[in-house]
């Protein structure tokens, strides 16, 4: 008993709490893996509802998925995708940021966050995300295309052309990159 009170005093003075320790235990990989089957079921149902044309139902299921297991990175990303497609850009950004906080190298979430920022005309923030994505995945043609498109919107046409050409070098079938490159080239002619 005396040892208990001494340890409690040490914990109290160090600024930690038993609650924090309990929370860490609850969020441990073992606890998360025990939550994953229920969370995965909600996740799969959410994806099915979205594919069936029920985005509102999908959001509810995906939210339940991340409530059951807040460390389920893919569920956060998928929730953000549905929210973005519904036009709930602020909520989508929060979801993507949570996914990235859990896994800073999660390229899908970085890409989706860039698209959400672009949809809000927050081009510099979008460029930050797509730049991080390109650092992680330099051969991702779609990322170079988005980067080029963003640079074009900021009237950085020479850099935009470089990125668009890079996207086409990586994937010659990326027709939208070819169209954007033509538009940028035409704009540069009239400068």
Foldseek 3Di string as FASTA:
>chain_A
DVVVVVVQVVCVVVVHDVVVVVVCVCLDPVNLVVLQVVLVVLQVVLVVCVVVPNLVSSLVSLVVSCVSHVLPLVSLQVNLVSCVVVVVLVSSLVSLVSSCVSPVQPLSSLQSNLVSCVVVVVLVVSLVSLVSSCVNPVLQLVSLLSNLVSCVVVVVLVSSLVSLVSSCVSPVVPVVSVVVNVVSVVVVVVD
